[in-house]
N, C-alpha and C. Protein backbone atom coordinates (compact mmCIF):
# COMPACT_ATOMS: atom_id res chain seq x y z
N MET A 1 192.89 130.34 -17.17
CA MET A 1 191.61 129.91 -17.43
C MET A 1 190.94 129.62 -16.01
N GLY A 2 189.86 130.78 -15.64
CA GLY A 2 189.26 130.77 -14.43
C GLY A 2 187.85 130.02 -14.45
N GLU A 3 187.08 130.56 -13.86
CA GLU A 3 185.83 130.02 -13.66
C GLU A 3 184.97 130.36 -15.03
N VAL A 4 184.19 129.25 -15.49
CA VAL A 4 183.50 129.46 -16.74
C VAL A 4 182.21 130.15 -16.36
N PRO A 5 181.84 131.27 -17.04
CA PRO A 5 180.80 131.92 -16.70
C PRO A 5 179.38 131.20 -17.26
N ALA A 6 178.34 131.39 -16.39
CA ALA A 6 177.08 130.51 -16.61
C ALA A 6 176.59 130.45 -17.82
N GLY A 7 176.42 131.71 -18.72
CA GLY A 7 176.08 131.81 -19.90
C GLY A 7 176.90 130.97 -20.82
N GLU A 8 178.20 130.88 -20.64
CA GLU A 8 178.94 130.14 -21.50
C GLU A 8 178.93 128.54 -21.25
N ARG A 9 178.68 128.33 -20.06
CA ARG A 9 178.58 126.76 -19.66
C ARG A 9 177.32 126.42 -20.39
N LYS A 10 176.09 127.11 -20.54
CA LYS A 10 174.98 126.86 -21.23
C LYS A 10 175.24 126.64 -22.69
N GLN A 11 176.12 127.58 -23.24
CA GLN A 11 176.24 127.42 -24.54
C GLN A 11 177.02 126.14 -24.95
N LYS A 12 178.16 125.95 -24.09
CA LYS A 12 178.79 124.90 -24.40
C LYS A 12 178.11 123.37 -24.16
N ALA A 13 177.13 123.48 -23.05
CA ALA A 13 176.04 122.18 -23.00
C ALA A 13 175.39 122.14 -24.28
N VAL A 14 174.79 123.26 -24.86
CA VAL A 14 174.12 123.19 -25.98
C VAL A 14 174.76 122.66 -27.15
N ILE A 15 175.89 123.21 -27.38
CA ILE A 15 176.85 122.54 -28.51
C ILE A 15 177.06 121.31 -28.52
N SER A 16 177.50 120.92 -27.21
CA SER A 16 177.72 119.39 -27.04
C SER A 16 176.49 118.50 -27.32
N VAL A 17 175.52 118.93 -26.82
CA VAL A 17 174.19 118.07 -26.93
C VAL A 17 173.78 118.07 -28.50
N VAL A 18 173.77 119.20 -29.09
CA VAL A 18 173.49 119.34 -30.61
C VAL A 18 174.49 118.37 -31.30
N ALA A 19 175.80 118.41 -30.89
CA ALA A 19 176.47 117.57 -31.69
C ALA A 19 176.23 116.13 -31.67
N MET A 20 175.97 115.58 -30.29
CA MET A 20 175.46 114.34 -30.14
C MET A 20 174.19 113.92 -30.67
N VAL A 21 173.08 114.95 -30.91
CA VAL A 21 172.03 114.48 -31.51
C VAL A 21 172.32 114.47 -32.98
N LEU A 22 173.11 115.16 -33.61
CA LEU A 22 173.47 115.16 -35.03
C LEU A 22 173.85 113.57 -35.41
N MET A 23 174.85 113.29 -34.49
CA MET A 23 175.34 111.79 -34.72
C MET A 23 174.11 110.84 -34.68
N ILE A 24 173.30 110.91 -33.89
CA ILE A 24 172.11 110.00 -33.90
C ILE A 24 171.25 110.30 -35.23
N VAL A 25 171.04 111.43 -35.53
CA VAL A 25 170.22 111.82 -36.66
C VAL A 25 170.98 111.34 -37.97
N PHE A 26 172.19 111.70 -38.04
CA PHE A 26 172.94 111.07 -39.14
C PHE A 26 172.96 109.54 -39.34
N ARG A 27 172.91 109.00 -38.05
CA ARG A 27 172.78 107.43 -38.01
C ARG A 27 171.50 107.01 -38.80
N ILE A 28 170.48 107.56 -38.47
CA ILE A 28 169.12 107.24 -39.18
C ILE A 28 169.16 107.40 -40.64
N GLY A 29 169.95 108.40 -40.97
CA GLY A 29 170.00 108.68 -42.59
C GLY A 29 170.94 107.76 -43.15
N GLU A 30 171.93 107.17 -42.57
CA GLU A 30 173.07 106.35 -43.05
C GLU A 30 172.95 104.92 -42.42
N PRO A 31 172.06 104.12 -42.94
CA PRO A 31 171.99 102.76 -42.22
C PRO A 31 173.29 101.81 -42.36
N ALA A 32 174.20 102.25 -43.01
CA ALA A 32 175.48 101.61 -43.09
C ALA A 32 176.29 101.62 -41.70
N ALA A 33 176.05 102.93 -41.15
CA ALA A 33 176.93 103.27 -40.01
C ALA A 33 176.50 102.30 -38.87
N GLU A 34 177.73 101.68 -38.27
CA GLU A 34 177.48 100.86 -37.29
C GLU A 34 177.07 101.55 -36.02
N THR A 35 176.33 100.92 -35.15
CA THR A 35 175.75 101.67 -34.01
C THR A 35 176.75 101.71 -32.95
N MET A 36 177.66 100.68 -32.79
CA MET A 36 178.81 100.94 -31.91
C MET A 36 179.68 102.23 -32.23
N ASP A 37 179.88 102.42 -33.49
CA ASP A 37 180.63 103.53 -34.00
C ASP A 37 180.10 104.77 -33.68
N VAL A 38 178.73 104.89 -33.81
CA VAL A 38 178.12 106.10 -33.60
C VAL A 38 178.16 106.30 -31.82
N ILE A 39 177.92 105.19 -31.15
CA ILE A 39 177.98 105.45 -29.58
C ILE A 39 179.37 106.03 -29.43
N GLY A 40 180.56 105.47 -30.11
CA GLY A 40 181.87 105.89 -29.87
C GLY A 40 181.96 107.35 -30.16
N MET A 41 181.41 107.73 -31.22
CA MET A 41 181.42 109.20 -31.55
C MET A 41 180.68 110.20 -30.45
N ILE A 42 179.71 109.57 -30.18
CA ILE A 42 178.90 110.11 -29.05
C ILE A 42 179.84 110.42 -27.64
N LEU A 43 180.43 109.26 -27.36
CA LEU A 43 181.40 109.36 -26.24
C LEU A 43 182.61 110.24 -26.63
N ALA A 44 183.16 110.44 -27.96
CA ALA A 44 184.35 111.32 -28.18
C ALA A 44 183.73 112.67 -27.98
N VAL A 45 182.64 113.00 -28.39
CA VAL A 45 182.09 114.24 -28.18
C VAL A 45 182.12 114.72 -26.67
N ALA A 46 181.55 113.70 -25.89
CA ALA A 46 181.50 113.92 -24.26
C ALA A 46 182.69 114.27 -23.83
N ALA A 47 183.67 113.33 -24.27
CA ALA A 47 185.06 113.36 -23.85
C ALA A 47 185.79 114.73 -23.98
N VAL A 48 185.63 115.42 -25.26
CA VAL A 48 186.12 116.40 -25.71
C VAL A 48 185.59 117.65 -24.84
N SER A 49 184.12 117.53 -24.70
CA SER A 49 183.46 118.50 -24.01
C SER A 49 184.04 118.54 -22.50
N VAL A 50 184.28 117.60 -21.95
CA VAL A 50 184.82 117.56 -20.56
C VAL A 50 186.17 118.02 -20.59
N VAL A 51 187.09 117.53 -21.30
CA VAL A 51 188.40 117.98 -21.22
C VAL A 51 188.62 119.51 -21.65
N LEU A 52 187.78 119.98 -22.56
CA LEU A 52 188.02 121.37 -23.11
C LEU A 52 186.88 122.34 -22.35
N TYR A 53 186.25 121.85 -21.39
CA TYR A 53 185.21 122.72 -20.65
C TYR A 53 185.74 123.97 -20.22
N ARG A 54 186.96 124.14 -19.81
CA ARG A 54 187.47 125.53 -19.18
C ARG A 54 188.22 126.40 -20.30
N PHE A 55 188.26 125.69 -21.50
CA PHE A 55 188.88 126.41 -22.53
C PHE A 55 188.23 127.55 -23.06
N PRO A 56 188.67 128.54 -23.89
CA PRO A 56 187.80 129.51 -24.44
C PRO A 56 186.82 128.90 -25.49
N MET A 57 185.72 129.50 -25.80
CA MET A 57 184.85 129.08 -26.78
C MET A 57 185.54 129.10 -28.06
N THR A 58 186.53 129.77 -28.29
CA THR A 58 187.26 129.69 -29.54
C THR A 58 188.00 128.61 -29.95
N ILE A 59 188.21 127.56 -28.81
CA ILE A 59 188.91 126.46 -28.98
C ILE A 59 187.83 125.47 -28.89
N TYR A 60 186.85 125.48 -27.92
CA TYR A 60 185.88 124.58 -27.58
C TYR A 60 184.94 124.16 -28.76
N LEU A 61 184.44 125.15 -29.55
CA LEU A 61 183.49 125.06 -30.47
C LEU A 61 184.27 124.33 -31.81
N PRO A 62 185.35 124.85 -32.29
CA PRO A 62 186.11 124.28 -33.43
C PRO A 62 186.53 122.82 -32.83
N ALA A 63 186.92 122.59 -31.79
CA ALA A 63 187.34 121.27 -31.45
C ALA A 63 186.16 120.27 -31.47
N ILE A 64 184.90 120.67 -31.01
CA ILE A 64 183.70 119.80 -31.22
C ILE A 64 183.28 119.63 -32.66
N VAL A 65 183.56 120.70 -33.54
CA VAL A 65 183.15 120.54 -34.95
C VAL A 65 184.12 119.59 -35.61
N PHE A 66 185.36 119.66 -35.13
CA PHE A 66 186.32 118.91 -35.68
C PHE A 66 185.95 117.40 -35.38
N VAL A 67 185.70 117.09 -34.20
CA VAL A 67 185.32 115.62 -33.78
C VAL A 67 184.26 115.12 -34.64
N VAL A 68 183.30 116.01 -34.89
CA VAL A 68 182.05 115.64 -35.65
C VAL A 68 182.53 115.40 -37.03
N LEU A 69 183.31 116.30 -37.59
CA LEU A 69 183.78 116.06 -39.13
C LEU A 69 184.65 114.82 -39.27
N ALA A 70 185.48 114.80 -38.44
CA ALA A 70 186.43 113.56 -38.56
C ALA A 70 185.45 112.21 -38.35
N GLY A 71 184.71 112.24 -37.52
CA GLY A 71 183.78 111.02 -36.95
C GLY A 71 182.85 110.74 -38.29
N ALA A 72 182.31 111.85 -38.81
CA ALA A 72 181.48 111.70 -40.02
C ALA A 72 182.25 111.14 -41.22
N GLY A 73 183.35 111.50 -41.35
CA GLY A 73 184.14 111.07 -42.38
C GLY A 73 184.22 109.33 -42.28
N SER A 74 184.53 108.71 -41.15
CA SER A 74 184.49 107.52 -41.03
C SER A 74 183.12 106.78 -40.90
N ILE A 75 182.34 107.17 -40.11
CA ILE A 75 181.15 106.51 -39.71
C ILE A 75 180.15 106.62 -40.76
N TYR A 76 179.98 107.93 -41.39
CA TYR A 76 179.00 108.07 -42.39
C TYR A 76 179.60 107.96 -43.72
N LEU A 77 180.77 107.55 -43.82
CA LEU A 77 181.36 107.38 -45.13
C LEU A 77 181.62 108.63 -45.96
N MET A 78 181.86 109.61 -45.37
CA MET A 78 182.06 111.06 -46.04
C MET A 78 183.29 111.01 -46.92
N TYR A 79 184.30 110.27 -46.31
CA TYR A 79 185.55 110.13 -46.99
C TYR A 79 185.38 109.77 -48.39
N SER A 80 184.47 108.75 -48.63
CA SER A 80 184.16 108.29 -49.96
C SER A 80 183.22 108.90 -50.74
N LYS A 81 182.01 109.56 -50.01
CA LYS A 81 181.10 110.23 -50.51
C LYS A 81 181.41 111.63 -51.15
N LEU A 82 182.37 112.29 -50.46
CA LEU A 82 182.53 113.64 -50.87
C LEU A 82 184.25 113.70 -51.13
N PRO A 83 184.64 113.74 -52.39
CA PRO A 83 186.12 114.02 -52.61
C PRO A 83 186.46 115.28 -51.76
N GLY A 84 187.52 115.33 -51.25
CA GLY A 84 188.00 116.45 -50.63
C GLY A 84 187.71 116.50 -49.09
N TRP A 85 186.83 115.84 -48.59
CA TRP A 85 186.34 115.62 -47.21
C TRP A 85 187.78 115.53 -46.31
N ASP A 86 188.65 114.59 -46.82
CA ASP A 86 189.80 114.35 -45.82
C ASP A 86 190.48 115.56 -45.88
N ARG A 87 190.76 116.28 -46.90
CA ARG A 87 191.60 117.61 -46.97
C ARG A 87 190.89 118.54 -45.99
N PHE A 88 189.57 118.62 -46.12
CA PHE A 88 188.91 119.66 -45.28
C PHE A 88 189.09 119.31 -43.94
N VAL A 89 189.09 118.15 -43.43
CA VAL A 89 189.21 117.77 -42.02
C VAL A 89 190.54 118.17 -41.59
N HIS A 90 191.66 117.88 -42.43
CA HIS A 90 193.00 117.99 -42.20
C HIS A 90 193.42 119.59 -42.11
N TYR A 91 192.53 120.41 -42.75
CA TYR A 91 192.83 121.80 -42.89
C TYR A 91 191.90 122.30 -41.60
N PHE A 92 190.93 121.76 -41.27
CA PHE A 92 190.11 122.27 -40.17
C PHE A 92 190.99 121.82 -38.92
N SER A 93 191.57 120.84 -38.91
CA SER A 93 192.38 120.38 -37.63
C SER A 93 193.51 121.62 -37.41
N GLY A 94 194.32 122.11 -38.51
CA GLY A 94 195.28 122.90 -38.53
C GLY A 94 194.63 124.33 -37.76
N VAL A 95 193.37 124.54 -38.17
CA VAL A 95 192.94 125.75 -37.59
C VAL A 95 192.71 125.58 -36.08
N VAL A 96 191.99 124.46 -35.64
CA VAL A 96 191.94 124.05 -34.14
C VAL A 96 193.29 124.10 -33.45
N LEU A 97 194.32 123.39 -34.05
CA LEU A 97 195.63 123.29 -33.53
C LEU A 97 196.30 124.64 -33.23
N GLY A 98 196.24 125.35 -34.33
CA GLY A 98 196.66 126.79 -34.27
C GLY A 98 196.16 127.67 -33.25
N ALA A 99 194.74 127.45 -32.69
CA ALA A 99 194.22 128.09 -31.75
C ALA A 99 194.67 127.56 -30.42
N ILE A 100 194.84 126.23 -30.33
CA ILE A 100 195.40 125.50 -29.28
C ILE A 100 196.83 126.09 -28.85
N GLY A 101 197.59 126.20 -29.90
CA GLY A 101 199.16 126.54 -29.64
C GLY A 101 199.21 127.96 -29.35
N TYR A 102 198.35 128.94 -29.92
CA TYR A 102 198.46 130.18 -29.56
C TYR A 102 197.89 130.56 -28.07
N THR A 103 196.82 129.77 -27.75
CA THR A 103 196.44 129.92 -26.32
C THR A 103 197.29 129.36 -25.29
N ALA A 104 197.95 128.26 -25.66
CA ALA A 104 198.97 127.72 -24.70
C ALA A 104 200.13 128.63 -24.72
N MET A 105 200.73 129.13 -25.62
CA MET A 105 201.69 130.15 -25.53
C MET A 105 201.43 131.11 -24.56
N GLY A 106 200.20 131.86 -24.90
CA GLY A 106 199.79 132.78 -24.20
C GLY A 106 199.79 132.48 -22.72
N GLY A 107 199.26 131.43 -22.38
CA GLY A 107 199.19 130.98 -21.07
C GLY A 107 200.53 130.61 -20.40
N LEU A 108 201.48 130.23 -21.07
CA LEU A 108 202.78 129.98 -20.77
C LEU A 108 203.47 131.32 -20.39
N LEU A 109 203.35 132.32 -21.35
CA LEU A 109 204.13 133.54 -21.29
C LEU A 109 203.28 134.25 -19.86
N ARG A 110 202.13 134.19 -19.60
CA ARG A 110 201.44 134.81 -18.36
C ARG A 110 201.97 134.01 -17.10
N TRP A 111 202.16 132.72 -17.20
CA TRP A 111 202.49 132.02 -16.10
C TRP A 111 203.96 132.30 -15.68
N ARG A 112 204.77 132.59 -16.75
CA ARG A 112 206.23 133.08 -16.53
C ARG A 112 206.20 134.63 -16.13
N GLY A 113 205.18 135.32 -16.06
CA GLY A 113 205.27 136.92 -15.75
C GLY A 113 205.63 137.60 -16.88
N LEU A 114 205.73 137.11 -18.13
CA LEU A 114 206.11 137.85 -19.43
C LEU A 114 204.92 138.46 -20.18
N PRO A 115 205.20 139.42 -20.94
CA PRO A 115 204.15 139.99 -21.65
C PRO A 115 203.81 139.13 -22.76
N GLU A 116 202.31 139.10 -23.23
CA GLU A 116 201.94 138.43 -24.24
C GLU A 116 202.15 138.93 -25.49
N ASP A 117 203.40 138.45 -26.02
CA ASP A 117 203.96 138.98 -27.29
C ASP A 117 203.32 138.13 -28.36
N GLN A 118 202.42 139.09 -29.35
CA GLN A 118 201.75 138.37 -30.39
C GLN A 118 202.64 137.66 -31.54
N VAL A 119 203.68 138.29 -31.75
CA VAL A 119 204.56 137.46 -32.64
C VAL A 119 204.92 136.13 -32.19
N ILE A 120 205.37 135.78 -30.92
CA ILE A 120 205.68 134.73 -30.46
C ILE A 120 204.57 133.65 -30.35
N MET A 121 203.40 134.34 -29.90
CA MET A 121 202.17 133.46 -29.85
C MET A 121 201.63 133.07 -31.22
N LEU A 122 201.71 133.91 -32.24
CA LEU A 122 201.36 133.49 -33.70
C LEU A 122 202.40 132.42 -34.16
N LEU A 123 203.68 132.62 -33.98
CA LEU A 123 204.66 131.55 -34.47
C LEU A 123 204.37 130.32 -33.82
N SER A 124 203.99 130.29 -32.44
CA SER A 124 203.65 129.13 -31.74
C SER A 124 202.54 128.48 -32.24
N ALA A 125 201.49 129.11 -32.63
CA ALA A 125 200.38 128.61 -33.21
C ALA A 125 200.62 127.83 -34.66
N PHE A 126 201.53 128.50 -35.52
CA PHE A 126 201.77 128.17 -36.75
C PHE A 126 202.57 126.74 -36.53
N VAL A 127 203.54 126.83 -35.79
CA VAL A 127 204.52 125.91 -35.55
C VAL A 127 203.82 124.62 -34.97
N PHE A 128 202.92 124.76 -33.90
CA PHE A 128 202.23 123.77 -33.09
C PHE A 128 201.39 123.10 -34.25
N ALA A 129 200.53 123.67 -35.00
CA ALA A 129 199.62 123.19 -36.10
C ALA A 129 200.40 122.34 -37.05
N GLY A 130 201.60 122.96 -37.71
CA GLY A 130 202.32 122.12 -38.26
C GLY A 130 203.04 120.80 -37.83
N MET A 131 203.49 121.09 -36.50
CA MET A 131 204.07 119.85 -35.85
C MET A 131 203.05 118.75 -35.71
N CYS A 132 201.93 119.17 -35.26
CA CYS A 132 200.83 118.11 -35.00
C CYS A 132 200.25 117.34 -36.45
N ALA A 133 200.42 118.20 -37.41
CA ALA A 133 200.03 117.55 -38.74
C ALA A 133 200.99 116.66 -39.21
N GLY A 134 202.34 116.83 -38.92
CA GLY A 134 203.33 115.96 -39.24
C GLY A 134 203.41 114.86 -38.45
N ALA A 135 203.17 114.89 -36.98
CA ALA A 135 203.09 113.78 -36.04
C ALA A 135 201.96 112.91 -36.31
N TRP A 136 200.72 113.37 -36.82
CA TRP A 136 199.68 112.54 -37.15
C TRP A 136 199.97 111.69 -38.25
N GLU A 137 200.66 112.28 -39.24
CA GLU A 137 201.11 111.42 -40.50
C GLU A 137 202.11 110.36 -39.91
N ILE A 138 202.88 110.69 -39.18
CA ILE A 138 203.96 109.91 -38.54
C ILE A 138 203.24 108.62 -37.83
N GLY A 139 202.07 108.95 -37.22
CA GLY A 139 201.32 107.99 -36.46
C GLY A 139 200.62 107.12 -37.56
N GLU A 140 200.15 107.61 -38.68
CA GLU A 140 199.34 106.84 -39.70
C GLU A 140 200.65 105.91 -40.46
N PHE A 141 201.78 106.47 -40.60
CA PHE A 141 202.86 105.67 -41.24
C PHE A 141 203.01 104.56 -40.38
N SER A 142 203.30 104.67 -39.00
CA SER A 142 203.67 103.56 -38.21
C SER A 142 202.49 102.68 -38.04
N ALA A 143 201.11 103.02 -38.00
CA ALA A 143 200.21 101.97 -38.06
C ALA A 143 200.13 101.22 -39.27
N ASP A 144 200.49 101.82 -40.47
CA ASP A 144 200.60 101.07 -41.68
C ASP A 144 201.70 99.86 -41.66
N GLN A 145 202.95 100.54 -41.20
CA GLN A 145 204.02 99.69 -41.08
C GLN A 145 203.93 98.58 -39.83
N PHE A 146 203.56 98.93 -38.69
CA PHE A 146 203.57 97.90 -37.74
C PHE A 146 202.26 97.05 -37.68
N PHE A 147 201.28 97.54 -37.91
CA PHE A 147 199.81 96.66 -37.91
C PHE A 147 199.23 96.29 -39.37
N HIS A 148 200.05 96.70 -40.20
CA HIS A 148 199.76 96.40 -41.67
C HIS A 148 198.14 96.92 -41.92
N MET A 149 198.00 98.07 -41.64
CA MET A 149 196.84 98.85 -41.98
C MET A 149 196.89 99.53 -43.23
N ASP A 150 196.09 100.36 -43.66
CA ASP A 150 196.21 101.00 -44.94
C ASP A 150 195.56 102.43 -44.82
N VAL A 151 195.93 103.19 -43.86
CA VAL A 151 195.35 104.46 -43.50
C VAL A 151 196.11 105.60 -44.13
N GLN A 152 197.39 105.18 -44.67
CA GLN A 152 197.98 106.22 -45.64
C GLN A 152 197.59 105.85 -46.97
N HIS A 153 197.64 106.72 -48.14
CA HIS A 153 197.23 106.33 -49.36
C HIS A 153 198.33 106.72 -50.29
N GLY A 154 199.55 106.56 -49.91
CA GLY A 154 200.53 107.03 -50.59
C GLY A 154 201.09 108.25 -50.34
N ASN A 155 202.41 108.86 -50.93
CA ASN A 155 203.05 109.99 -50.58
C ASN A 155 202.07 111.27 -50.83
N THR A 156 201.45 111.20 -51.93
CA THR A 156 200.63 112.45 -52.33
C THR A 156 199.55 112.64 -51.24
N ASP A 157 198.97 111.53 -50.84
CA ASP A 157 197.94 111.83 -49.80
C ASP A 157 198.65 112.34 -48.54
N THR A 158 199.65 111.69 -48.14
CA THR A 158 200.26 112.10 -46.74
C THR A 158 200.71 113.33 -46.90
N MET A 159 201.55 113.76 -47.88
CA MET A 159 201.94 115.22 -48.09
C MET A 159 200.73 116.43 -48.38
N GLY A 160 199.71 115.90 -48.84
CA GLY A 160 198.53 116.77 -49.01
C GLY A 160 197.82 117.10 -47.63
N ASP A 161 197.78 116.06 -46.78
CA ASP A 161 197.37 116.09 -45.66
C ASP A 161 197.98 117.08 -44.61
N ILE A 162 199.47 116.97 -44.71
CA ILE A 162 200.33 117.65 -43.99
C ILE A 162 200.30 119.45 -44.36
N VAL A 163 200.19 119.40 -45.75
CA VAL A 163 199.85 120.84 -46.28
C VAL A 163 198.59 121.27 -45.69
N CYS A 164 197.58 120.65 -45.84
CA CYS A 164 196.38 121.13 -45.32
C CYS A 164 196.37 121.58 -43.92
N GLY A 165 197.00 120.73 -43.00
CA GLY A 165 197.12 121.02 -41.69
C GLY A 165 198.00 122.58 -41.47
N PHE A 166 199.06 122.67 -42.21
CA PHE A 166 199.89 123.83 -42.23
C PHE A 166 198.90 125.12 -42.74
N LEU A 167 198.26 124.89 -43.90
CA LEU A 167 197.30 125.98 -44.16
C LEU A 167 196.26 126.40 -43.42
N GLY A 168 195.72 125.27 -42.67
CA GLY A 168 194.82 125.49 -41.50
C GLY A 168 195.63 126.33 -40.34
N GLY A 169 196.68 126.06 -40.21
CA GLY A 169 197.34 127.05 -39.13
C GLY A 169 197.68 128.25 -39.49
N MET A 170 197.92 128.38 -40.84
CA MET A 170 198.11 129.82 -41.51
C MET A 170 196.93 130.62 -41.52
N THR A 171 195.78 129.80 -41.78
CA THR A 171 194.53 130.40 -41.74
C THR A 171 194.27 131.09 -40.32
N PHE A 172 194.48 130.32 -39.25
CA PHE A 172 194.13 130.65 -37.93
C PHE A 172 195.02 132.11 -37.76
N CYS A 173 196.31 131.84 -38.07
CA CYS A 173 197.41 133.02 -37.94
C CYS A 173 196.88 134.34 -38.52
N ALA A 174 196.54 134.23 -39.76
CA ALA A 174 195.99 135.20 -40.72
C ALA A 174 194.68 135.93 -40.09
N ALA A 175 193.87 135.17 -39.59
CA ALA A 175 192.54 135.72 -39.07
C ALA A 175 192.95 136.19 -37.68
N ARG A 176 193.95 135.89 -36.80
CA ARG A 176 194.22 136.33 -35.64
C ARG A 176 194.85 137.77 -35.80
N LEU A 177 195.90 137.86 -36.92
CA LEU A 177 196.40 139.06 -37.30
C LEU A 177 195.37 140.17 -37.62
N VAL A 178 194.40 139.82 -38.40
CA VAL A 178 193.21 140.81 -38.64
C VAL A 178 192.79 141.20 -37.50
N ARG A 179 192.39 140.43 -36.63
CA ARG A 179 191.69 140.74 -35.26
C ARG A 179 192.60 141.65 -34.50
N ILE A 180 193.89 141.50 -34.45
CA ILE A 180 194.96 142.18 -33.79
C ILE A 180 194.90 143.56 -34.39
N TRP A 181 194.92 143.56 -35.81
CA TRP A 181 195.07 144.87 -36.41
C TRP A 181 193.90 145.70 -36.19
N LYS A 182 192.77 145.15 -36.34
CA LYS A 182 191.44 145.73 -36.02
C LYS A 182 191.46 146.34 -34.64
N GLY A 183 191.89 145.61 -33.67
CA GLY A 183 191.83 145.98 -32.32
C GLY A 183 193.09 146.88 -31.93
N HIS A 184 193.77 147.34 -33.16
CA HIS A 184 194.86 148.37 -32.80
C HIS A 184 196.07 147.61 -32.07
N GLY A 185 196.28 146.49 -32.17
CA GLY A 185 197.48 145.69 -31.41
C GLY A 185 197.17 145.46 -30.07
N LYS A 186 195.76 145.37 -29.47
CA LYS A 186 195.43 144.98 -28.23
C LYS A 186 196.31 143.72 -27.79
N GLN A 187 196.92 143.91 -26.71
CA GLN A 187 197.79 142.69 -26.43
C GLN A 187 197.25 141.60 -25.72
N SER A 188 196.12 142.01 -24.75
CA SER A 188 195.35 140.99 -24.08
C SER A 188 193.88 140.94 -24.24
N GLU A 189 193.23 140.05 -24.52
CA GLU A 189 191.91 139.85 -24.87
C GLU A 189 191.38 138.67 -24.18
N GLU A 190 190.21 138.57 -23.87
CA GLU A 190 189.47 137.43 -23.11
C GLU A 190 189.26 136.48 -24.28
N GLY A 191 189.79 135.21 -24.10
CA GLY A 191 189.64 134.33 -25.06
C GLY A 191 190.84 134.37 -26.19
N ILE A 192 190.42 134.30 -27.31
CA ILE A 192 191.52 134.41 -28.33
C ILE A 192 191.18 135.63 -29.27
């Protein structure tokens, strides 16, 4: 990850500002949303923007969208307004985590001076997405056990969330495979 081109810097800035403005617009439309929660979401978007600034747009944009979707679930009560919102958020997180796993393995292979093996990179994407989905649910289970919270709503909810994360990772891998096949197996591309 080298210098970010000027055009991409502008695109990323616009994406981040739009996400932050959406938080404010949604707050106006949902009076039940706590102002401090909205401010927290705006800060979360800003933090993700800074942390992922040098990452390819194929990770940056989905990560910002994920933060907005997850925040909207809690702050704007989307989890209760739209059945399936939680599943969609977990699915989308699998897509984002697949992209991160794929990119990370590609970077590791390049760093070690090895060729970018698409099979290894795709397996890494899938395994990373699934591992993170499981780790997230372990975190929720721990919160329920140690802090007497109620973030898990039973085995069916937990397993459904893990399955959605895996499916998101599989979707990333399938989309990446299609792109590889259309590019006739190109090994190295800009971004993902």
